[in-house]
Amino acid sequence: MKSYYSCIDGSLSAPQPVQHTVIRDRVAKAGGSVTFYGAEDVQTLGTQPFIRLKLTRMKETALHGVVFYTFRQFCHGEQINYELIRYITGLGLEVLFACEGIAIRTDAELEQWLPFLTAIDYAARRDRSAPWQSFIRSVDLDTVPSL
């Protein structure tokens, strides 16, 4: 069975248990299980040094890949952090994005996904300060009637 390192997104309003469930489901579809967990510190989201340090320390483990809750974890800086994806695949590890259902193993696969990934980044940056974003964040989900 494949072994994956899970990296949730601490900046999202999605609860951590939900992120872990989505990640576990994606990893199971890839024929693996999560054996290590971590999250980038909110203050370092733009550069993501924590994941790089962890992977450097884990060289000797039988790790198959790293699964992120969403590709948007790579969109917190001035530009998309493609360098980190290339670093991870350069270690021979697979990169999974649970929400998007994407697996990247090589630079060629990353190049194939670039138009889609760029669109995700564009939409996220465009909508960051949209009025509907603040409205959604202000909704008290406990008061919304269930369907």
Foldseek 3Di string as FASTA:
>chain_A
DAEEEEEEEPVDPPDPVVLVVLQQVLQVVVVYGYDHYDYADPVCLQPRPPVVVVCVVCLPPRHAAYEYQALCSQQPHPHGPVVVVQVRLVSQHWYHHRVVSDIDNHPVSVVVCVVVSVVVNVVCVVCVPPPVVVVVVPDDVVPDDDD
